Amino acid sequence: MAYLKQRWFTAKVFNKFAMTTGLFGTKTLTITRRSSGQPQQIPVLTVDVDGAKYLVSTRGESQWVKNVRARPQVTLSVSGRTVEYTAAEIPVEQRAPVLAAFRKRAGKTVDGYFRKLPDPADHPVFTLTAAPQ
């Protein structure tokens, strides 16, 4: 599976700024790294389709995707509010409506990723189910 590596500025500066400010509606995804067990945080956009919440990897099979597959308990935080979810990857043949909704929500920001990785198989998609409280 393909992966588009982040540039240094994006990884070290922009992502932190986006998580701190909620820029463009970003939320902070916190997952557990599969090898170290340490938390990893990244800014993400979620999209709701037919009453379900989805998480999309625009850059392909990233480390966070591999970590979520190994440990599907995740949290999303925005403005100090944190919600726990269980993530489940959806099959490639079910991704089209979610990817279309995500692209509409994210706008031109993600167009380049989808030009470089046009196959829906290159964009893992997870449905998020709120954990019981």
Protein backbone atom coordinates (compact mmCIF):
# COMPACT_ATOMS: atom_id res chain seq x y z
CA MET A 1 0.00 0.00 0.00
CA ALA A 2 1.21 3.50 -0.83
CA TYR A 3 2.21 6.27 1.57
CA LEU A 4 2.95 9.97 1.05
CA LYS A 5 5.53 11.09 3.59
CA GLN A 6 4.94 14.39 5.36
CA ARG A 7 7.35 17.24 4.88
CA TRP A 8 9.36 18.32 7.91
CA PHE A 9 7.45 21.60 8.31
CA THR A 10 4.09 19.83 8.27
CA ALA A 11 5.14 17.17 10.78
CA LYS A 12 7.02 19.43 13.20
CA VAL A 13 5.23 22.79 12.96
CA PHE A 14 1.90 22.79 11.12
CA ASN A 15 0.43 19.68 12.79
CA LYS A 16 1.09 21.08 16.27
CA PHE A 17 -0.45 24.41 15.30
CA ALA A 18 -3.52 22.66 13.82
CA MET A 19 -4.05 20.56 16.97
CA THR A 20 -3.67 23.56 19.26
CA THR A 21 -6.01 25.84 17.33
CA GLY A 22 -8.46 23.40 15.73
CA LEU A 23 -7.57 24.97 12.38
CA PHE A 24 -10.07 24.07 9.63
CA GLY A 25 -12.07 21.98 12.11
CA THR A 26 -9.25 19.62 12.95
CA LYS A 27 -9.46 17.35 15.95
CA THR A 28 -6.62 15.70 17.79
CA LEU A 29 -6.51 11.95 17.29
CA THR A 30 -4.70 10.12 20.06
CA ILE A 31 -3.71 6.54 19.46
CA THR A 32 -1.33 4.08 21.06
CA ARG A 33 1.86 3.23 19.20
CA ARG A 34 2.00 -0.48 18.55
CA SER A 35 5.67 -0.99 19.40
CA SER A 36 6.31 1.36 22.33
CA GLY A 37 2.82 1.63 23.80
CA GLN A 38 3.30 5.41 23.97
CA PRO A 39 0.59 7.83 22.82
CA GLN A 40 0.79 9.43 19.38
CA GLN A 41 -1.21 12.54 18.49
CA ILE A 42 -2.05 13.81 15.02
CA PRO A 43 -4.51 16.35 13.64
CA VAL A 44 -7.38 14.82 11.67
CA LEU A 45 -10.65 15.74 10.04
CA THR A 46 -13.59 13.43 10.50
CA VAL A 47 -16.63 13.18 8.28
CA ASP A 48 -20.16 12.03 9.08
CA VAL A 49 -21.96 9.94 6.46
CA ASP A 50 -25.42 8.47 7.04
CA GLY A 51 -25.14 8.98 10.79
CA ALA A 52 -21.72 7.34 11.18
CA LYS A 53 -18.42 9.08 11.92
CA TYR A 54 -15.40 8.23 9.77
CA LEU A 55 -11.67 8.80 9.87
CA VAL A 56 -9.75 8.90 6.57
CA SER A 57 -6.04 8.61 5.89
CA THR A 58 -5.30 11.05 3.09
CA ARG A 59 -1.63 10.05 2.91
CA GLY A 60 -2.15 6.30 2.63
CA GLU A 61 -0.81 3.64 4.95
CA SER A 62 0.79 5.87 7.55
CA GLN A 63 2.15 4.83 10.93
CA TRP A 64 -1.04 6.03 12.62
CA VAL A 65 -3.06 3.71 10.35
CA LYS A 66 -0.88 0.74 11.32
CA ASN A 67 -1.19 1.73 14.98
CA VAL A 68 -5.01 1.95 14.79
CA ARG A 69 -5.17 -1.45 13.13
CA ALA A 70 -3.12 -2.91 15.98
CA ARG A 71 -4.91 -1.02 18.77
CA PRO A 72 -8.32 0.28 17.65
CA GLN A 73 -9.15 2.21 20.84
CA VAL A 74 -8.66 5.89 19.99
CA THR A 75 -9.69 9.28 21.31
CA LEU A 76 -10.67 12.47 19.53
CA SER A 77 -10.20 15.79 21.30
CA VAL A 78 -11.40 19.25 20.41
CA SER A 79 -11.53 22.33 22.63
CA GLY A 80 -10.64 20.32 25.72
CA ARG A 81 -13.43 17.75 25.17
CA THR A 82 -12.27 14.17 24.63
CA VAL A 83 -14.37 11.26 23.37
CA GLU A 84 -13.24 7.64 23.22
CA TYR A 85 -13.97 5.52 20.15
CA THR A 86 -13.33 2.10 18.73
CA ALA A 87 -12.11 2.24 15.13
CA ALA A 88 -12.92 -0.42 12.54
CA GLU A 89 -11.51 -0.32 9.02
CA ILE A 90 -14.09 -0.55 6.26
CA PRO A 91 -13.55 -2.58 3.07
CA VAL A 92 -12.34 -0.82 -0.06
CA GLU A 93 -15.63 -1.40 -1.89
CA GLN A 94 -17.48 0.62 0.80
CA ARG A 95 -15.14 3.63 0.81
CA ALA A 96 -16.38 5.64 -2.19
CA PRO A 97 -19.20 7.59 -0.48
CA VAL A 98 -17.04 8.29 2.57
CA LEU A 99 -14.10 9.45 0.48
CA ALA A 100 -16.38 11.70 -1.61
CA ALA A 101 -17.87 13.27 1.53
CA PHE A 102 -14.42 13.66 3.06
CA ARG A 103 -13.04 15.37 -0.05
CA LYS A 104 -15.98 17.76 -0.09
CA ARG A 105 -15.46 18.57 3.61
CA ALA A 106 -11.67 18.93 3.40
CA GLY A 107 -11.72 20.92 0.16
CA LYS A 108 -8.71 21.69 -1.98
CA THR A 109 -6.36 20.90 0.90
CA VAL A 110 -6.50 17.19 0.07
CA ASP A 111 -6.76 17.30 -3.73
CA GLY A 112 -3.02 16.73 -4.20
CA TYR A 113 -3.04 13.60 -2.05
CA PHE A 114 -5.90 12.10 -4.06
CA ARG A 115 -4.18 12.99 -7.36
CA LYS A 116 -1.03 11.19 -6.21
CA LEU A 117 -2.99 8.29 -4.68
CA PRO A 118 -6.15 7.99 -6.81
CA ASP A 119 -7.05 4.41 -5.83
CA PRO A 120 -9.54 4.18 -2.91
CA ALA A 121 -7.50 1.19 -1.69
CA ASP A 122 -4.70 3.67 -0.90
CA HIS A 123 -6.85 5.58 1.60
CA PRO A 124 -7.69 3.53 4.69
CA VAL A 125 -11.05 4.52 6.15
CA PHE A 126 -12.19 3.73 9.68
CA THR A 127 -15.65 3.98 11.15
CA LEU A 128 -15.62 5.35 14.68
CA THR A 129 -18.01 3.93 17.26
CA ALA A 130 -18.27 5.79 20.57
CA ALA A 131 -17.03 3.67 23.45
CA PRO A 132 -19.56 2.91 26.19
CA GLN A 133 -19.22 5.29 29.12
